[in-house]
C-alpha atoms as a PDB file:
ATOM      1  CA  MET A   1     -15.597 -21.106 -36.186  1.00  0.00           C
ATOM      2  CA  ALA A   2     -16.885 -23.023 -33.175  1.00  0.00           C
ATOM      3  CA  ASP A   3     -17.341 -21.476 -29.748  1.00  0.00           C
ATOM      4  CA  THR A   4     -14.897 -22.451 -27.017  1.00  0.00           C
ATOM      5  CA  SER A   5     -16.094 -22.939 -23.469  1.00  0.00           C
ATOM      6  CA  PHE A   6     -14.055 -23.672 -20.356  1.00  0.00           C
ATOM      7  CA  ILE A   7     -14.078 -23.369 -16.581  1.00  0.00           C
ATOM      8  CA  PRO A   8     -11.558 -20.783 -15.331  1.00  0.00           C
ATOM      9  CA  GLY A   9      -8.747 -22.330 -13.297  1.00  0.00           C
ATOM     10  CA  PRO A  10      -4.980 -22.793 -13.216  1.00  0.00           C
ATOM     11  CA  GLU A  11      -4.948 -24.990 -16.323  1.00  0.00           C
ATOM     12  CA  THR A  12      -6.996 -22.459 -18.340  1.00  0.00           C
ATOM     13  CA  ALA A  13      -5.378 -19.254 -17.036  1.00  0.00           C
ATOM     14  CA  ARG A  14      -4.048 -18.218 -20.473  1.00  0.00           C
ATOM     15  CA  ALA A  15      -7.415 -18.836 -22.151  1.00  0.00           C
ATOM     16  CA  TYR A  16      -9.136 -16.854 -19.395  1.00  0.00           C
ATOM     17  CA  ARG A  17      -6.745 -13.895 -19.873  1.00  0.00           C
ATOM     18  CA  ASP A  18      -7.310 -14.081 -23.637  1.00  0.00           C
ATOM     19  CA  ALA A  19     -11.094 -13.999 -23.122  1.00  0.00           C
ATOM     20  CA  LEU A  20     -10.783 -10.966 -20.824  1.00  0.00           C
ATOM     21  CA  GLY A  21      -8.635  -9.307 -23.491  1.00  0.00           C
ATOM     22  CA  CYS A  22     -11.588  -9.349 -25.907  1.00  0.00           C
ATOM     23  CA  PHE A  23     -12.923  -6.326 -24.028  1.00  0.00           C
ATOM     24  CA  GLY A  24     -11.127  -3.171 -25.107  1.00  0.00           C
ATOM     25  CA  THR A  25     -10.198  -0.818 -22.288  1.00  0.00           C
ATOM     26  CA  GLY A  26      -8.685   2.588 -21.958  1.00  0.00           C
ATOM     27  CA  VAL A  27      -5.147   2.856 -20.634  1.00  0.00           C
ATOM     28  CA  THR A  28      -4.598   4.765 -17.406  1.00  0.00           C
ATOM     29  CA  VAL A  29      -1.615   5.674 -15.279  1.00  0.00           C
ATOM     30  CA  VAL A  30      -2.229   6.105 -11.561  1.00  0.00           C
ATOM     31  CA  THR A  31       0.183   8.286  -9.577  1.00  0.00           C
ATOM     32  CA  THR A  32       0.736   9.099  -5.927  1.00  0.00           C
ATOM     33  CA  GLY A  33       3.328  10.712  -3.724  1.00  0.00           C
ATOM     34  CA  THR A  34       5.377   8.576  -1.324  1.00  0.00           C
ATOM     35  CA  PRO A  35       8.146   9.353   1.188  1.00  0.00           C
ATOM     36  CA  ARG A  36      10.611   8.154  -1.514  1.00  0.00           C
ATOM     37  CA  GLY A  37       9.107  10.440  -4.175  1.00  0.00           C
ATOM     38  CA  PRO A  38       6.501  10.160  -6.920  1.00  0.00           C
ATOM     39  CA  LEU A  39       5.174   6.721  -7.853  1.00  0.00           C
ATOM     40  CA  ALA A  40       3.214   5.567 -10.918  1.00  0.00           C
ATOM     41  CA  ILE A  41       1.631   2.390 -12.246  1.00  0.00           C
ATOM     42  CA  THR A  42      -0.044   1.656 -15.591  1.00  0.00           C
ATOM     43  CA  VAL A  43      -3.454  -0.007 -15.276  1.00  0.00           C
ATOM     44  CA  ASN A  44      -6.465  -0.867 -17.408  1.00  0.00           C
ATOM     45  CA  SER A  45      -8.670  -2.044 -14.522  1.00  0.00           C
ATOM     46  CA  PHE A  46     -10.421   1.291 -14.021  1.00  0.00           C
ATOM     47  CA  THR A  47     -14.088   2.270 -13.950  1.00  0.00           C
ATOM     48  CA  SER A  48     -16.588   4.726 -12.595  1.00  0.00           C
ATOM     49  CA  VAL A  49     -18.487   3.452  -9.546  1.00  0.00           C
ATOM     50  CA  SER A  50     -20.855   6.242  -8.511  1.00  0.00           C
ATOM     51  CA  LEU A  51     -21.917   9.714  -9.609  1.00  0.00           C
ATOM     52  CA  ASP A  52     -23.089  10.793  -6.134  1.00  0.00           C
ATOM     53  CA  PRO A  53     -20.664  10.747  -4.494  1.00  0.00           C
ATOM     54  CA  PRO A  54     -18.246  10.714  -7.445  1.00  0.00           C
ATOM     55  CA  LEU A  55     -16.318   7.452  -6.993  1.00  0.00           C
ATOM     56  CA  MET A  56     -13.867   5.589  -9.244  1.00  0.00           C
ATOM     57  CA  LEU A  57     -12.083   2.292  -8.795  1.00  0.00           C
ATOM     58  CA  TRP A  58      -8.958   0.639 -10.064  1.00  0.00           C
ATOM     59  CA  CYS A  59      -7.288  -2.631  -9.136  1.00  0.00           C
ATOM     60  CA  PRO A  60      -3.556  -3.098  -8.486  1.00  0.00           C
ATOM     61  CA  ALA A  61      -2.202  -6.639  -8.451  1.00  0.00           C
ATOM     62  CA  LYS A  62      -1.078  -7.871  -5.037  1.00  0.00           C
ATOM     63  CA  ALA A  63       2.072  -9.270  -6.695  1.00  0.00           C
ATOM     64  CA  SER A  64       3.130  -5.761  -7.776  1.00  0.00           C
ATOM     65  CA  LEU A  65       5.959  -4.202  -5.773  1.00  0.00           C
ATOM     66  CA  ARG A  66       3.922  -0.964  -5.950  1.00  0.00           C
ATOM     67  CA  HIS A  67       0.727  -2.507  -4.554  1.00  0.00           C
ATOM     68  CA  ASP A  68       1.181  -1.647  -0.889  1.00  0.00           C
ATOM     69  CA  ALA A  69       2.139   1.982  -1.531  1.00  0.00           C
ATOM     70  CA  PHE A  70      -0.968   2.560  -3.657  1.00  0.00           C
ATOM     71  CA  VAL A  71      -3.348   0.775  -1.285  1.00  0.00           C
ATOM     72  CA  ALA A  72      -2.008   2.949   1.574  1.00  0.00           C
ATOM     73  CA  ALA A  73      -2.052   6.202  -0.435  1.00  0.00           C
ATOM     74  CA  GLU A  74      -4.310   8.925   0.961  1.00  0.00           C
ATOM     75  CA  ASN A  75      -4.457  10.667  -2.442  1.00  0.00           C
ATOM     76  CA  PHE A  76      -3.832   9.591  -6.012  1.00  0.00           C
ATOM     77  CA  ALA A  77      -4.472  10.747  -9.564  1.00  0.00           C
ATOM     78  CA  ILE A  78      -5.888   8.563 -12.338  1.00  0.00           C
ATOM     79  CA  HIS A  79      -4.735   9.702 -15.802  1.00  0.00           C
ATOM     80  CA  VAL A  80      -6.521   8.621 -18.994  1.00  0.00           C
ATOM     81  CA  MET A  81      -3.701   8.395 -21.486  1.00  0.00           C
ATOM     82  CA  ALA A  82      -3.820  10.070 -24.890  1.00  0.00           C
ATOM     83  CA  GLU A  83      -3.299   8.012 -28.027  1.00  0.00           C
ATOM     84  CA  ASP A  84       0.245   9.375 -28.458  1.00  0.00           C
ATOM     85  CA  GLN A  85       1.302   8.501 -24.887  1.00  0.00           C
ATOM     86  CA  LEU A  86       2.000   4.794 -25.416  1.00  0.00           C
ATOM     87  CA  PRO A  87       5.731   5.201 -24.626  1.00  0.00           C
ATOM     88  CA  LEU A  88       4.898   6.858 -21.296  1.00  0.00           C
ATOM     89  CA  ALA A  89       2.296   4.194 -20.416  1.00  0.00           C
ATOM     90  CA  LYS A  90       4.824   1.434 -21.182  1.00  0.00           C
ATOM     91  CA  HIS A  91       7.520   3.267 -19.202  1.00  0.00           C
ATOM     92  CA  PHE A  92       5.368   3.443 -16.069  1.00  0.00           C
ATOM     93  CA  ALA A  93       4.337  -0.191 -16.479  1.00  0.00           C
ATOM     94  CA  ALA A  94       7.995  -1.108 -15.925  1.00  0.00           C
ATOM     95  CA  PHE A  95       9.505   1.809 -13.984  1.00  0.00           C
ATOM     96  CA  GLY A  96       7.130   3.285 -11.412  1.00  0.00           C
ATOM     97  CA  GLU A  97       9.621   5.514  -9.607  1.00  0.00           C
ATOM     98  CA  ASP A  98      11.335   6.953 -12.708  1.00  0.00           C
ATOM     99  CA  PHE A  99       9.654  10.231 -13.637  1.00  0.00           C
ATOM    100  CA  SER A 100      12.641  11.469 -15.682  1.00  0.00           C
ATOM    101  CA  THR A 101      10.756  11.016 -18.975  1.00  0.00           C
ATOM    102  CA  ALA A 102       7.491  12.580 -17.761  1.00  0.00           C
ATOM    103  CA  ALA A 103       6.363  16.184 -17.617  1.00  0.00           C
ATOM    104  CA  TRP A 104       4.470  16.556 -14.337  1.00  0.00           C
ATOM    105  CA  GLN A 105       3.767  18.705 -11.326  1.00  0.00           C
ATOM    106  CA  PRO A 106       1.980  18.037  -8.026  1.00  0.00           C
ATOM    107  CA  ASN A 107      -1.799  18.474  -8.112  1.00  0.00           C
ATOM    108  CA  GLU A 108      -3.755  20.174  -5.301  1.00  0.00           C
ATOM    109  CA  LEU A 109      -3.760  16.927  -3.307  1.00  0.00           C
ATOM    110  CA  GLY A 110      -0.009  16.374  -3.736  1.00  0.00           C
ATOM    111  CA  ALA A 111      -0.169  13.535  -6.268  1.00  0.00           C
ATOM    112  CA  PRO A 112       1.889  13.826  -9.460  1.00  0.00           C
ATOM    113  CA  ALA A 113      -0.227  15.250 -12.318  1.00  0.00           C
ATOM    114  CA  LEU A 114       1.045  14.134 -15.733  1.00  0.00           C
ATOM    115  CA  GLU A 115       0.858  16.552 -18.645  1.00  0.00           C
ATOM    116  CA  GLY A 116      -0.778  15.750 -21.994  1.00  0.00           C
ATOM    117  CA  VAL A 117      -3.403  13.279 -20.755  1.00  0.00           C
ATOM    118  CA  ILE A 118      -6.992  13.559 -22.007  1.00  0.00           C
ATOM    119  CA  ALA A 119      -8.490  13.285 -18.516  1.00  0.00           C
ATOM    120  CA  ARG A 120      -7.239  13.322 -14.947  1.00  0.00           C
ATOM    121  CA  PHE A 121      -9.214  12.402 -11.854  1.00  0.00           C
ATOM    122  CA  ASP A 122      -7.685  13.676  -8.603  1.00  0.00           C
ATOM    123  CA  CYS A 123      -8.894  11.350  -5.853  1.00  0.00           C
ATOM    124  CA  ARG A 124      -8.893  10.894  -2.104  1.00  0.00           C
ATOM    125  CA  ARG A 125      -8.847   7.329  -0.798  1.00  0.00           C
ATOM    126  CA  TYR A 126     -12.412   6.225  -0.072  1.00  0.00           C
ATOM    127  CA  ALA A 127     -12.031   2.477   0.507  1.00  0.00           C
ATOM    128  CA  SER A 128     -10.085  -0.602  -0.489  1.00  0.00           C
ATOM    129  CA  HIS A 129     -11.196  -4.220  -0.597  1.00  0.00           C
ATOM    130  CA  PRO A 130      -9.221  -7.426  -1.114  1.00  0.00           C
ATOM    131  CA  ALA A 131     -10.336  -9.237  -4.254  1.00  0.00           C
ATOM    132  CA  GLY A 132      -8.443 -12.413  -5.090  1.00  0.00           C
ATOM    133  CA  ASP A 133      -4.995 -11.564  -6.447  1.00  0.00           C
ATOM    134  CA  HIS A 134      -5.832  -7.835  -6.694  1.00  0.00           C
ATOM    135  CA  THR A 135      -7.118  -5.104  -4.397  1.00  0.00           C
ATOM    136  CA  ILE A 136     -10.047  -2.893  -5.364  1.00  0.00           C
ATOM    137  CA  VAL A 137      -9.036   0.695  -4.603  1.00  0.00           C
ATOM    138  CA  ILE A 138     -11.894   3.212  -4.576  1.00  0.00           C
ATOM    139  CA  GLY A 139     -11.247   6.922  -4.716  1.00  0.00           C
ATOM    140  CA  GLU A 140     -13.578   9.859  -4.226  1.00  0.00           C
ATOM    141  CA  VAL A 141     -12.979  12.321  -7.042  1.00  0.00           C
ATOM    142  CA  ALA A 142     -12.067  15.789  -5.776  1.00  0.00           C
ATOM    143  CA  ARG A 143     -11.292  17.389  -9.155  1.00  0.00           C
ATOM    144  CA  VAL A 144     -11.452  16.478 -12.855  1.00  0.00           C
ATOM    145  CA  THR A 145      -9.270  17.958 -15.595  1.00  0.00           C
ATOM    146  CA  THR A 146      -9.862  17.200 -19.299  1.00  0.00           C
ATOM    147  CA  ARG A 147      -8.639  18.261 -22.722  1.00  0.00           C
ATOM    148  CA  PRO A 148      -9.644  17.279 -26.259  1.00  0.00           C
ATOM    149  CA  GLY A 149      -7.964  14.268 -27.791  1.00  0.00           C
ATOM    150  CA  LYS A 150      -8.196  10.565 -28.499  1.00  0.00           C
ATOM    151  CA  GLY A 151      -7.554   7.955 -25.842  1.00  0.00           C
ATOM    152  CA  LEU A 152      -5.092   5.087 -25.871  1.00  0.00           C
ATOM    153  CA  ILE A 153      -6.870   1.714 -26.070  1.00  0.00           C
ATOM    154  CA  PHE A 154      -5.703  -1.784 -25.057  1.00  0.00           C
ATOM    155  CA  LYS A 155      -7.339  -4.886 -26.540  1.00  0.00           C
ATOM    156  CA  ARG A 156      -6.146  -8.456 -27.101  1.00  0.00           C
ATOM    157  CA  GLY A 157      -2.616  -7.596 -26.012  1.00  0.00           C
ATOM    158  CA  GLN A 158      -2.283  -4.677 -28.419  1.00  0.00           C
ATOM    159  CA  TYR A 159      -2.418  -0.906 -28.060  1.00  0.00           C
ATOM    160  CA  GLY A 160      -4.189   1.393 -30.486  1.00  0.00           C
ATOM    161  CA  GLY A 161      -6.792   4.067 -30.965  1.00  0.00           C
ATOM    162  CA  PHE A 162      -9.979   4.720 -32.855  1.00  0.00           C
ATOM    163  CA  LEU A 163     -10.244   4.967 -36.620  1.00  0.00           C
ATOM    164  CA  GLU A 164     -11.407   8.279 -38.025  1.00  0.00           C
ATOM    165  CA  GLN A 165     -14.978   8.251 -39.343  1.00  0.00           C
ATOM    166  CA  GLY A 166     -15.087   9.008 -43.072  1.00  0.00           C
END
């Protein structure tokens, strides 16, 4: 099969998204508290930035109705979803204010802490930077909570996990 090459732009937006989808990412749900109640958003644009100080970033889309609340949030929690939490990740992708299907409690910073995740990073807002159609939100990690388990993976528009080694 021949390679395909193109210049990213409006006419190649779908091809560009498809190329980005070749990189498998973990699935995360970011939560925060707002005056209206808890708020969540499902994201795969998440990465570690620095070990000292411990910084993480994620990138909400400016077109999201939840964007402004998360960019303004003083505290938030980033949850690495377990392989069996696909329904919850999909739920929060569509319904950010509906926590009726989630087991949670406030963490020490006041952000909703979801149960059953394989890792949670409780963060204080460190910085945010405009970046095209997204905003880069950087948090300083105040506490980490982990448990054993496999993570939920997203690649080429599909969700899955890792195969067991034989």
